Structures are given as structure tokens and as C-alpha cells.
Amino acid sequence: MALALLVTGLWSFSEAILWFIVADVPVSYVAVRHGWRAASVAAIVAALCAVPGGALLHLWTSADPQRVHDLLVALPAIDAAMIERTSHAYVEGGYAEMLRGSFGGTPYKLYAAAAGASSPPDAWLAPFLLASFLVRVPRFLIVGLSVALVNRALSGWLSAGQRLAVLGACWAVFYAWYFVTMPS
């Protein structure tokens, strides 16, 4: 369990910067392997570990916005228009827009970059960091608890290995759809 939480935390930190597969993947794995309580802990770990990643990207963007923009555009399912839309939406809607984006398929890293680009380099990061946790944790909890419920329902028909295979297949289908429908 400790290893799964460590992987979840590192994954979430990385996803907040440049990794492009959501931390919901390890959270859902924890749900299948260890149940809803562990999935809840994994969701909180994922949200907490996204915060320093978001802070790093925020600060990096403040210092070198063009370099960060170029790196983000090189990632799968992100293009310059998405970055521009997200930046505009963040400036207009702030943290509420971050919450909407969390459920709408907009990568958190784009909000961290938008916040860094729209803040002076010496801006106080605490409000952004708190908001980062608060907008990330609901989705992680919903995913973890939903997967745990489905896992429990399937446990009478499928072995643990089969349930993990179903989970892997679901994520593969999701990402096939996501990468086909998103820009880049």
C-alpha cells in the first residue's frame, strides 16, 4: 500500500508539471487493489502532491513563460489554442474556472502556467496552492470512490486480476478517445 501511495504522489506531482496521464489512474488502481478507504487516502495524496508540482510550474512560468509554453505545446492533447483559452478562462474565472476545468478535461498544468503568467514573480503563492488542492481533491475522490464501488460490484464475478485488467482496458479506451478528440 505504501508503494502505491508513493507512486500516486510522484505521478500526481509529475502530472502537475509535464506528465500527461492523469493521477486518477493510480488512484483508481489503489481503489481496485485496496478498497475505498485506501482510494480516499490516495486521492488526498494525489491532490497534496499536485500542489508542489503546480507551484513549480507557476514559478517556472513566471520566470520563463515562453519556454514553458513551448514545452506544454509539445505535450499530447495540448495546443497553443487550448493554452490561450485556459489562460483567458483563468484570468476571467480564477479558481472557479480551475474547478470546472478539473472536471472538463483541461489539464491542471495549464492553470498553473496561466496563474504563473498572470501573476507578478513575487506574488504570494499560498492562495493558488490552497485552491490547487481544493479543486483537485473532489475529482480524485469521485474517481477513487466510483471505481471502488464498481470494483466491489464486480468482485463476485471477476478475480482481482480480471478487475485490474478491466480497469486497464477502461483507461486505454479513455485515453484512445481523449487523444483522438483533443488537440495536438
N, C-alpha and C. Protein backbone atom coordinates (compact mmCIF):
# COMPACT_ATOMS: atom_id res chain seq x y z
N MET A 1 0.82 -1.19 0.00
CA MET A 1 0.00 0.00 0.00
C MET A 1 0.87 1.26 0.00
N ALA A 2 1.94 1.25 0.79
CA ALA A 2 2.83 2.42 0.87
C ALA A 2 3.45 2.70 -0.49
N LEU A 3 3.84 1.66 -1.21
CA LEU A 3 4.41 1.85 -2.53
C LEU A 3 3.38 2.46 -3.49
N ALA A 4 2.14 2.00 -3.41
CA ALA A 4 1.08 2.53 -4.27
C ALA A 4 0.84 4.01 -3.98
N LEU A 5 0.90 4.40 -2.71
CA LEU A 5 0.73 5.82 -2.36
C LEU A 5 1.92 6.65 -2.83
N LEU A 6 3.12 6.10 -2.72
CA LEU A 6 4.31 6.79 -3.21
C LEU A 6 4.21 7.02 -4.72
N VAL A 7 3.84 5.97 -5.45
CA VAL A 7 3.68 6.10 -6.90
C VAL A 7 2.60 7.13 -7.23
N THR A 8 1.49 7.09 -6.50
CA THR A 8 0.41 8.06 -6.72
C THR A 8 0.91 9.48 -6.51
N GLY A 9 1.65 9.71 -5.44
CA GLY A 9 2.17 11.04 -5.16
C GLY A 9 3.15 11.52 -6.21
N LEU A 10 4.09 10.67 -6.59
CA LEU A 10 5.05 11.06 -7.63
C LEU A 10 4.37 11.28 -8.97
N TRP A 11 3.40 10.44 -9.28
CA TRP A 11 2.65 10.56 -10.52
C TRP A 11 1.92 11.90 -10.55
N SER A 12 1.25 12.24 -9.46
CA SER A 12 0.48 13.47 -9.39
C SER A 12 1.39 14.70 -9.48
N PHE A 13 2.51 14.67 -8.79
CA PHE A 13 3.49 15.75 -8.87
C PHE A 13 3.94 15.93 -10.32
N SER A 14 4.27 14.81 -10.97
CA SER A 14 4.74 14.86 -12.36
C SER A 14 3.66 15.34 -13.31
N GLU A 15 2.43 14.89 -13.08
CA GLU A 15 1.32 15.30 -13.94
C GLU A 15 1.05 16.80 -13.82
N ALA A 16 1.30 17.37 -12.67
CA ALA A 16 1.09 18.80 -12.48
C ALA A 16 2.10 19.62 -13.28
N ILE A 17 3.19 18.99 -13.71
CA ILE A 17 4.23 19.71 -14.44
C ILE A 17 4.18 19.35 -15.93
N LEU A 18 4.63 18.16 -16.29
CA LEU A 18 4.69 17.82 -17.71
C LEU A 18 4.17 16.43 -18.06
N TRP A 19 3.93 15.55 -17.10
CA TRP A 19 3.39 14.23 -17.40
C TRP A 19 1.96 14.41 -17.90
N PHE A 20 1.49 13.57 -18.80
CA PHE A 20 0.21 13.82 -19.46
C PHE A 20 -0.85 12.75 -19.21
N ILE A 21 -0.60 11.84 -18.31
CA ILE A 21 -1.61 10.85 -17.90
C ILE A 21 -2.05 11.21 -16.48
N VAL A 22 -3.36 11.37 -16.28
CA VAL A 22 -3.87 11.89 -15.02
C VAL A 22 -3.59 10.97 -13.83
N ALA A 23 -3.49 11.58 -12.67
CA ALA A 23 -3.24 10.84 -11.43
C ALA A 23 -4.44 10.00 -11.02
N ASP A 24 -5.55 10.16 -11.70
CA ASP A 24 -6.71 9.30 -11.45
C ASP A 24 -6.37 7.83 -11.74
N VAL A 25 -5.40 7.60 -12.60
CA VAL A 25 -5.02 6.23 -12.95
C VAL A 25 -4.49 5.49 -11.71
N PRO A 26 -3.46 6.00 -11.03
CA PRO A 26 -3.03 5.27 -9.84
C PRO A 26 -4.07 5.31 -8.70
N VAL A 27 -4.85 6.39 -8.61
CA VAL A 27 -5.90 6.43 -7.59
C VAL A 27 -6.89 5.29 -7.84
N SER A 28 -7.26 5.08 -9.09
CA SER A 28 -8.22 4.02 -9.40
C SER A 28 -7.59 2.63 -9.19
N TYR A 29 -6.31 2.51 -9.46
CA TYR A 29 -5.60 1.26 -9.18
C TYR A 29 -5.68 0.93 -7.69
N VAL A 30 -5.41 1.93 -6.86
CA VAL A 30 -5.49 1.74 -5.41
C VAL A 30 -6.90 1.31 -5.01
N ALA A 31 -7.91 1.89 -5.65
CA ALA A 31 -9.30 1.52 -5.35
C ALA A 31 -9.56 0.04 -5.62
N VAL A 32 -9.03 -0.46 -6.72
CA VAL A 32 -9.24 -1.87 -7.07
C VAL A 32 -8.43 -2.78 -6.14
N ARG A 33 -7.20 -2.42 -5.88
CA ARG A 33 -6.32 -3.28 -5.08
C ARG A 33 -6.62 -3.24 -3.58
N HIS A 34 -7.06 -2.04 -3.08
CA HIS A 34 -7.12 -1.87 -1.63
C HIS A 34 -8.45 -1.33 -1.10
N GLY A 35 -9.39 -1.00 -1.95
CA GLY A 35 -10.70 -0.57 -1.49
C GLY A 35 -10.88 0.93 -1.37
N TRP A 36 -12.08 1.30 -0.91
CA TRP A 36 -12.47 2.70 -0.92
C TRP A 36 -11.71 3.56 0.09
N ARG A 37 -11.39 3.01 1.25
CA ARG A 37 -10.65 3.81 2.24
C ARG A 37 -9.27 4.17 1.71
N ALA A 38 -8.59 3.19 1.17
CA ALA A 38 -7.26 3.43 0.61
C ALA A 38 -7.36 4.37 -0.60
N ALA A 39 -8.41 4.22 -1.39
CA ALA A 39 -8.60 5.12 -2.54
C ALA A 39 -8.80 6.56 -2.08
N SER A 40 -9.49 6.73 -0.96
CA SER A 40 -9.68 8.07 -0.40
C SER A 40 -8.34 8.67 0.03
N VAL A 41 -7.51 7.86 0.66
CA VAL A 41 -6.18 8.32 1.06
C VAL A 41 -5.36 8.65 -0.19
N ALA A 42 -5.42 7.79 -1.20
CA ALA A 42 -4.68 8.03 -2.44
C ALA A 42 -5.15 9.32 -3.11
N ALA A 43 -6.45 9.59 -3.07
CA ALA A 43 -6.98 10.82 -3.65
C ALA A 43 -6.41 12.04 -2.95
N ILE A 44 -6.35 11.98 -1.64
CA ILE A 44 -5.80 13.10 -0.87
C ILE A 44 -4.30 13.25 -1.15
N VAL A 45 -3.59 12.13 -1.21
CA VAL A 45 -2.15 12.17 -1.54
C VAL A 45 -1.96 12.78 -2.92
N ALA A 46 -2.77 12.36 -3.88
CA ALA A 46 -2.65 12.90 -5.24
C ALA A 46 -2.89 14.41 -5.25
N ALA A 47 -3.91 14.87 -4.55
CA ALA A 47 -4.20 16.30 -4.52
C ALA A 47 -3.08 17.07 -3.82
N LEU A 48 -2.58 16.53 -2.71
CA LEU A 48 -1.49 17.19 -1.99
C LEU A 48 -0.22 17.26 -2.82
N CYS A 49 0.09 16.19 -3.54
CA CYS A 49 1.33 16.14 -4.32
C CYS A 49 1.25 16.94 -5.61
N ALA A 50 0.05 17.24 -6.05
CA ALA A 50 -0.10 18.13 -7.21
C ALA A 50 0.30 19.56 -6.84
N VAL A 51 0.13 19.91 -5.58
CA VAL A 51 0.39 21.29 -5.14
C VAL A 51 1.84 21.73 -5.39
N PRO A 52 2.85 20.98 -4.93
CA PRO A 52 4.21 21.44 -5.22
C PRO A 52 4.54 21.41 -6.72
N GLY A 53 3.96 20.47 -7.45
CA GLY A 53 4.15 20.47 -8.90
C GLY A 53 3.56 21.71 -9.53
N GLY A 54 2.36 22.07 -9.10
CA GLY A 54 1.73 23.30 -9.61
C GLY A 54 2.52 24.53 -9.21
N ALA A 55 3.06 24.54 -7.99
CA ALA A 55 3.89 25.67 -7.54
C ALA A 55 5.13 25.80 -8.41
N LEU A 56 5.77 24.67 -8.69
CA LEU A 56 6.97 24.68 -9.53
C LEU A 56 6.65 25.23 -10.92
N LEU A 57 5.57 24.75 -11.52
CA LEU A 57 5.20 25.22 -12.86
C LEU A 57 4.81 26.70 -12.82
N HIS A 58 4.10 27.11 -11.79
CA HIS A 58 3.72 28.51 -11.59
C HIS A 58 4.97 29.40 -11.58
N LEU A 59 5.94 29.03 -10.74
CA LEU A 59 7.18 29.82 -10.62
C LEU A 59 8.00 29.79 -11.90
N TRP A 60 8.06 28.63 -12.53
CA TRP A 60 8.80 28.47 -13.78
C TRP A 60 8.18 29.36 -14.86
N THR A 61 6.86 29.37 -14.95
CA THR A 61 6.19 30.20 -15.94
C THR A 61 6.42 31.68 -15.66
N SER A 62 6.40 32.06 -14.40
CA SER A 62 6.69 33.46 -14.05
C SER A 62 8.07 33.87 -14.54
N ALA A 63 9.03 32.96 -14.47
CA ALA A 63 10.41 33.25 -14.85
C ALA A 63 10.67 33.11 -16.34
N ASP A 64 10.00 32.16 -16.99
CA ASP A 64 10.30 31.88 -18.41
C ASP A 64 9.04 31.42 -19.14
N PRO A 65 8.07 32.33 -19.34
CA PRO A 65 6.78 31.92 -19.90
C PRO A 65 6.87 31.30 -21.29
N GLN A 66 7.77 31.78 -22.13
CA GLN A 66 7.85 31.23 -23.48
C GLN A 66 8.36 29.79 -23.48
N ARG A 67 9.35 29.51 -22.65
CA ARG A 67 9.90 28.15 -22.57
C ARG A 67 8.82 27.17 -22.08
N VAL A 68 8.08 27.57 -21.04
CA VAL A 68 7.02 26.70 -20.53
C VAL A 68 5.95 26.52 -21.60
N HIS A 69 5.56 27.58 -22.26
CA HIS A 69 4.56 27.48 -23.34
C HIS A 69 5.01 26.47 -24.38
N ASP A 70 6.27 26.58 -24.81
CA ASP A 70 6.79 25.67 -25.83
C ASP A 70 6.78 24.22 -25.35
N LEU A 71 7.11 23.99 -24.09
CA LEU A 71 7.08 22.62 -23.55
C LEU A 71 5.65 22.09 -23.47
N LEU A 72 4.72 22.94 -23.03
CA LEU A 72 3.33 22.50 -22.93
C LEU A 72 2.74 22.16 -24.29
N VAL A 73 3.05 22.98 -25.29
CA VAL A 73 2.53 22.72 -26.64
C VAL A 73 3.06 21.40 -27.20
N ALA A 74 4.22 20.97 -26.75
CA ALA A 74 4.81 19.72 -27.23
C ALA A 74 4.15 18.49 -26.60
N LEU A 75 3.34 18.67 -25.56
CA LEU A 75 2.69 17.54 -24.91
C LEU A 75 1.48 17.06 -25.71
N PRO A 76 1.16 15.77 -25.58
CA PRO A 76 -0.04 15.27 -26.26
C PRO A 76 -1.30 15.95 -25.74
N ALA A 77 -2.24 16.18 -26.64
CA ALA A 77 -3.57 16.70 -26.32
C ALA A 77 -3.56 18.14 -25.81
N ILE A 78 -2.49 18.88 -26.10
CA ILE A 78 -2.42 20.30 -25.75
C ILE A 78 -1.91 21.05 -26.97
N ASP A 79 -2.57 22.14 -27.30
CA ASP A 79 -2.07 23.00 -28.36
C ASP A 79 -2.10 24.46 -27.88
N ALA A 80 -1.57 25.35 -28.69
CA ALA A 80 -1.48 26.76 -28.31
C ALA A 80 -2.87 27.36 -28.06
N ALA A 81 -3.85 26.96 -28.85
CA ALA A 81 -5.21 27.50 -28.66
C ALA A 81 -5.78 27.07 -27.31
N MET A 82 -5.52 25.83 -26.89
CA MET A 82 -6.00 25.36 -25.59
C MET A 82 -5.33 26.15 -24.46
N ILE A 83 -4.05 26.39 -24.60
CA ILE A 83 -3.32 27.16 -23.60
C ILE A 83 -3.91 28.57 -23.51
N GLU A 84 -4.16 29.18 -24.65
CA GLU A 84 -4.72 30.54 -24.69
C GLU A 84 -6.12 30.57 -24.07
N ARG A 85 -6.96 29.61 -24.43
CA ARG A 85 -8.32 29.54 -23.86
C ARG A 85 -8.27 29.37 -22.34
N THR A 86 -7.40 28.49 -21.89
CA THR A 86 -7.28 28.23 -20.46
C THR A 86 -6.77 29.47 -19.73
N SER A 87 -5.79 30.13 -20.31
CA SER A 87 -5.25 31.34 -19.69
C SER A 87 -6.33 32.41 -19.58
N HIS A 88 -7.06 32.61 -20.64
CA HIS A 88 -8.14 33.61 -20.63
C HIS A 88 -9.21 33.22 -19.60
N ALA A 89 -9.60 31.96 -19.61
CA ALA A 89 -10.63 31.49 -18.66
C ALA A 89 -10.15 31.65 -17.22
N TYR A 90 -8.87 31.36 -16.97
CA TYR A 90 -8.34 31.50 -15.61
C TYR A 90 -8.35 32.97 -15.18
N VAL A 91 -7.91 33.85 -16.05
CA VAL A 91 -7.89 35.28 -15.72
C VAL A 91 -9.31 35.77 -15.43
N GLU A 92 -10.28 35.29 -16.22
CA GLU A 92 -11.67 35.71 -16.04
C GLU A 92 -12.36 35.01 -14.87
N GLY A 93 -12.11 33.71 -14.69
CA GLY A 93 -12.87 32.93 -13.71
C GLY A 93 -12.11 32.47 -12.49
N GLY A 94 -10.78 32.61 -12.49
CA GLY A 94 -9.97 32.25 -11.33
C GLY A 94 -10.13 30.80 -10.90
N TYR A 95 -10.24 30.63 -9.59
CA TYR A 95 -10.26 29.28 -9.01
C TYR A 95 -11.52 28.51 -9.38
N ALA A 96 -12.62 29.21 -9.57
CA ALA A 96 -13.84 28.52 -10.01
C ALA A 96 -13.63 27.89 -11.38
N GLU A 97 -12.88 28.57 -12.23
CA GLU A 97 -12.56 28.02 -13.55
C GLU A 97 -11.65 26.80 -13.42
N MET A 98 -10.74 26.84 -12.46
CA MET A 98 -9.88 25.67 -12.23
C MET A 98 -10.71 24.45 -11.84
N LEU A 99 -11.72 24.66 -11.01
CA LEU A 99 -12.59 23.56 -10.60
C LEU A 99 -13.36 23.03 -11.80
N ARG A 100 -13.91 23.92 -12.60
CA ARG A 100 -14.63 23.49 -13.79
C ARG A 100 -13.71 22.71 -14.72
N GLY A 101 -12.52 23.21 -14.91
CA GLY A 101 -11.55 22.54 -15.78
C GLY A 101 -11.14 21.17 -15.26
N SER A 102 -11.13 21.01 -13.94
CA SER A 102 -10.78 19.72 -13.35
C SER A 102 -11.73 18.62 -13.80
N PHE A 103 -12.98 18.99 -14.02
CA PHE A 103 -13.98 18.01 -14.47
C PHE A 103 -14.22 18.08 -15.98
N GLY A 104 -13.60 19.03 -16.65
CA GLY A 104 -13.86 19.23 -18.07
C GLY A 104 -12.75 18.82 -19.01
N GLY A 105 -11.71 18.20 -18.49
CA GLY A 105 -10.66 17.70 -19.37
C GLY A 105 -9.52 18.67 -19.61
N THR A 106 -9.52 19.82 -18.94
CA THR A 106 -8.42 20.76 -19.10
C THR A 106 -7.33 20.41 -18.10
N PRO A 107 -6.12 20.15 -18.56
CA PRO A 107 -5.05 19.77 -17.65
C PRO A 107 -4.76 20.85 -16.60
N TYR A 108 -4.58 20.41 -15.37
CA TYR A 108 -4.25 21.31 -14.27
C TYR A 108 -3.02 22.14 -14.57
N LYS A 109 -2.04 21.54 -15.23
CA LYS A 109 -0.80 22.23 -15.53
C LYS A 109 -1.04 23.52 -16.31
N LEU A 110 -2.10 23.55 -17.12
CA LEU A 110 -2.39 24.77 -17.88
C LEU A 110 -2.87 25.89 -16.97
N TYR A 111 -3.58 25.54 -15.91
CA TYR A 111 -3.99 26.56 -14.93
C TYR A 111 -2.80 27.04 -14.12
N ALA A 112 -1.91 26.12 -13.76
CA ALA A 112 -0.70 26.52 -13.03
C ALA A 112 0.13 27.48 -13.87
N ALA A 113 0.27 27.17 -15.15
CA ALA A 113 1.01 28.06 -16.05
C ALA A 113 0.29 29.39 -16.22
N ALA A 114 -1.03 29.35 -16.36
CA ALA A 114 -1.80 30.59 -16.51
C ALA A 114 -1.66 31.46 -15.27
N ALA A 115 -1.69 30.84 -14.10
CA ALA A 115 -1.53 31.60 -12.86
C ALA A 115 -0.13 32.21 -12.79
N GLY A 116 0.87 31.45 -13.19
CA GLY A 116 2.24 31.97 -13.19
C GLY A 116 2.43 33.10 -14.18
N ALA A 117 1.79 32.98 -15.35
CA ALA A 117 1.91 34.02 -16.37
C ALA A 117 1.16 35.29 -15.99
N SER A 118 0.11 35.15 -15.20
CA SER A 118 -0.71 36.32 -14.87
C SER A 118 -0.37 36.93 -13.51
N SER A 119 0.60 36.36 -12.82
CA SER A 119 0.99 36.87 -11.50
C SER A 119 2.39 37.48 -11.58
N PRO A 120 2.63 38.52 -10.80
CA PRO A 120 4.00 39.04 -10.74
C PRO A 120 4.92 37.99 -10.12
N PRO A 121 6.20 37.99 -10.48
CA PRO A 121 7.13 36.97 -9.97
C PRO A 121 7.19 36.88 -8.45
N ASP A 122 6.91 37.96 -7.75
CA ASP A 122 6.98 37.95 -6.30
C ASP A 122 5.61 37.76 -5.64
N ALA A 123 4.62 37.30 -6.42
CA ALA A 123 3.26 37.12 -5.90
C ALA A 123 3.24 36.04 -4.82
N TRP A 124 2.36 36.20 -3.88
CA TRP A 124 2.19 35.23 -2.80
C TRP A 124 1.46 34.02 -3.36
N LEU A 125 2.05 32.86 -3.28
CA LEU A 125 1.52 31.64 -3.88
C LEU A 125 0.47 30.93 -3.05
N ALA A 126 0.37 31.22 -1.78
CA ALA A 126 -0.48 30.45 -0.87
C ALA A 126 -1.92 30.31 -1.36
N PRO A 127 -2.59 31.37 -1.83
CA PRO A 127 -3.97 31.19 -2.29
C PRO A 127 -4.07 30.23 -3.48
N PHE A 128 -3.15 30.33 -4.42
CA PHE A 128 -3.16 29.42 -5.56
C PHE A 128 -2.92 27.98 -5.11
N LEU A 129 -2.01 27.79 -4.19
CA LEU A 129 -1.68 26.44 -3.73
C LEU A 129 -2.85 25.82 -2.98
N LEU A 130 -3.49 26.58 -2.13
CA LEU A 130 -4.67 26.08 -1.42
C LEU A 130 -5.78 25.74 -2.42
N ALA A 131 -6.01 26.64 -3.37
CA ALA A 131 -7.03 26.39 -4.38
C ALA A 131 -6.68 25.15 -5.20
N SER A 132 -5.41 24.96 -5.48
CA SER A 132 -4.98 23.78 -6.24
C SER A 132 -5.43 22.49 -5.55
N PHE A 133 -5.18 22.41 -4.26
CA PHE A 133 -5.61 21.23 -3.52
C PHE A 133 -7.13 21.09 -3.56
N LEU A 134 -7.82 22.18 -3.28
CA LEU A 134 -9.28 22.15 -3.18
C LEU A 134 -9.97 21.82 -4.50
N VAL A 135 -9.38 22.20 -5.63
CA VAL A 135 -10.02 21.88 -6.91
C VAL A 135 -9.60 20.52 -7.44
N ARG A 136 -8.50 19.97 -6.95
CA ARG A 136 -8.05 18.66 -7.42
C ARG A 136 -8.70 17.52 -6.64
N VAL A 137 -8.85 17.69 -5.34
CA VAL A 137 -9.29 16.58 -4.49
C VAL A 137 -10.69 16.07 -4.82
N PRO A 138 -11.67 16.91 -5.19
CA PRO A 138 -13.01 16.35 -5.46
C PRO A 138 -13.01 15.31 -6.58
N ARG A 139 -12.34 15.62 -7.68
CA ARG A 139 -12.33 14.66 -8.78
C ARG A 139 -11.61 13.38 -8.41
N PHE A 140 -10.48 13.50 -7.74
CA PHE A 140 -9.75 12.31 -7.32
C PHE A 140 -10.60 11.45 -6.39
N LEU A 141 -11.31 12.08 -5.47
CA LEU A 141 -12.19 11.33 -4.57
C LEU A 141 -13.33 10.67 -5.33
N ILE A 142 -13.95 11.38 -6.24
CA ILE A 142 -15.05 10.82 -7.01
C ILE A 142 -14.57 9.62 -7.83
N VAL A 143 -13.43 9.77 -8.48
CA VAL A 143 -12.89 8.65 -9.28
C VAL A 143 -12.57 7.47 -8.37
N GLY A 144 -11.85 7.72 -7.30
CA GLY A 144 -11.47 6.62 -6.40
C GLY A 144 -12.67 5.90 -5.81
N LEU A 145 -13.65 6.66 -5.34
CA LEU A 145 -14.83 6.03 -4.73
C LEU A 145 -15.70 5.34 -5.76
N SER A 146 -15.83 5.92 -6.94
CA SER A 146 -16.62 5.29 -8.00
C SER A 146 -16.00 3.96 -8.44
N VAL A 147 -14.69 3.99 -8.64
CA VAL A 147 -14.00 2.76 -9.04
C VAL A 147 -14.11 1.72 -7.93
N ALA A 148 -14.00 2.14 -6.68
CA ALA A 148 -14.13 1.19 -5.57
C ALA A 148 -15.52 0.56 -5.55
N LEU A 149 -16.55 1.34 -5.83
CA LEU A 149 -17.91 0.80 -5.86
C LEU A 149 -18.09 -0.20 -7.01
N VAL A 150 -17.60 0.15 -8.18
CA VAL A 150 -17.69 -0.77 -9.33
C VAL A 150 -16.88 -2.02 -9.04
N ASN A 151 -15.70 -1.83 -8.48
CA ASN A 151 -14.85 -2.97 -8.13
C ASN A 151 -15.57 -3.92 -7.18
N ARG A 152 -16.22 -3.36 -6.19
CA ARG A 152 -16.95 -4.19 -5.22
C ARG A 152 -18.08 -4.94 -5.91
N ALA A 153 -18.79 -4.27 -6.81
CA ALA A 153 -19.88 -4.91 -7.53
C ALA A 153 -19.38 -6.05 -8.42
N LEU A 154 -18.19 -5.89 -8.99
CA LEU A 154 -17.64 -6.91 -9.89
C LEU A 154 -16.91 -8.03 -9.15
N SER A 155 -16.64 -7.84 -7.87
CA SER A 155 -15.82 -8.80 -7.13
C SER A 155 -16.44 -10.19 -7.03
N GLY A 156 -17.75 -10.29 -7.15
CA GLY A 156 -18.39 -11.60 -7.11
C GLY A 156 -18.26 -12.35 -8.43
N TRP A 157 -17.94 -11.64 -9.51
CA TRP A 157 -17.86 -12.28 -10.83
C TRP A 157 -16.44 -12.37 -11.39
N LEU A 158 -15.60 -11.44 -10.97
CA LEU A 158 -14.25 -11.39 -11.55
C LEU A 158 -13.20 -11.46 -10.46
N SER A 159 -12.07 -12.08 -10.79
CA SER A 159 -10.94 -12.12 -9.85
C SER A 159 -10.31 -10.73 -9.78
N ALA A 160 -9.43 -10.53 -8.80
CA ALA A 160 -8.73 -9.25 -8.66
C ALA A 160 -7.94 -8.93 -9.93
N GLY A 161 -7.28 -9.94 -10.47
CA GLY A 161 -6.52 -9.73 -11.71
C GLY A 161 -7.41 -9.34 -12.88
N GLN A 162 -8.57 -9.96 -12.97
CA GLN A 162 -9.51 -9.61 -14.04
C GLN A 162 -10.05 -8.19 -13.86
N ARG A 163 -10.31 -7.82 -12.62
CA ARG A 163 -10.80 -6.46 -12.36
C ARG A 163 -9.73 -5.43 -12.70
N LEU A 164 -8.47 -5.74 -12.42
CA LEU A 164 -7.38 -4.84 -12.81
C LEU A 164 -7.26 -4.76 -14.33
N ALA A 165 -7.47 -5.88 -15.00
CA ALA A 165 -7.44 -5.88 -16.48
C ALA A 165 -8.58 -5.02 -17.03
N VAL A 166 -9.75 -5.11 -16.43
CA VAL A 166 -10.88 -4.27 -16.85
C VAL A 166 -10.54 -2.80 -16.63
N LEU A 167 -9.95 -2.50 -15.48
CA LEU A 167 -9.55 -1.12 -15.21
C LEU A 167 -8.55 -0.63 -16.26
N GLY A 168 -7.55 -1.44 -16.54
CA GLY A 168 -6.56 -1.07 -17.57
C GLY A 168 -7.20 -0.86 -18.93
N ALA A 169 -8.13 -1.73 -19.28
CA ALA A 169 -8.83 -1.59 -20.56
C ALA A 169 -9.66 -0.30 -20.59
N CYS A 170 -10.31 0.01 -19.47
CA CYS A 170 -11.10 1.25 -19.41
C CYS A 170 -10.21 2.47 -19.60
N TRP A 171 -9.05 2.49 -18.94
CA TRP A 171 -8.14 3.62 -19.10
C TRP A 171 -7.59 3.67 -20.52
N ALA A 172 -7.31 2.53 -21.13
CA ALA A 172 -6.82 2.52 -22.51
C ALA A 172 -7.87 3.08 -23.47
N VAL A 173 -9.12 2.68 -23.29
CA VAL A 173 -10.20 3.21 -24.14
C VAL A 173 -10.37 4.71 -23.90
N PHE A 174 -10.35 5.12 -22.64
CA PHE A 174 -10.48 6.55 -22.33
C PHE A 174 -9.39 7.35 -23.03
N TYR A 175 -8.14 6.92 -22.89
CA TYR A 175 -7.05 7.70 -23.48
C TYR A 175 -7.04 7.61 -25.00
N ALA A 176 -7.47 6.51 -25.57
CA ALA A 176 -7.60 6.46 -27.03
C ALA A 176 -8.59 7.52 -27.48
N TRP A 177 -9.73 7.59 -26.80
CA TRP A 177 -10.74 8.61 -27.12
C TRP A 177 -10.20 10.01 -26.87
N TYR A 178 -9.57 10.22 -25.71
CA TYR A 178 -9.08 11.55 -25.33
C TYR A 178 -8.05 12.07 -26.32
N PHE A 179 -7.09 11.25 -26.67
CA PHE A 179 -6.03 11.70 -27.58
C PHE A 179 -6.54 11.91 -29.00
N VAL A 180 -7.60 11.22 -29.38
CA VAL A 180 -8.19 11.42 -30.70
C VAL A 180 -9.02 12.70 -30.73
N THR A 181 -9.72 13.00 -29.64
CA THR A 181 -10.63 14.14 -29.65
C THR A 181 -10.00 15.46 -29.20
N MET A 182 -8.89 15.39 -28.50
CA MET A 182 -8.25 16.61 -28.02
C MET A 182 -7.24 17.11 -29.06
N PRO A 183 -6.85 18.38 -28.95
CA PRO A 183 -5.92 18.95 -29.92
C PRO A 183 -4.54 18.31 -29.83
N SER A 184 -3.76 18.60 -30.82
CA SER A 184 -2.33 18.27 -30.97
C SER A 184 -2.21 17.19 -31.97
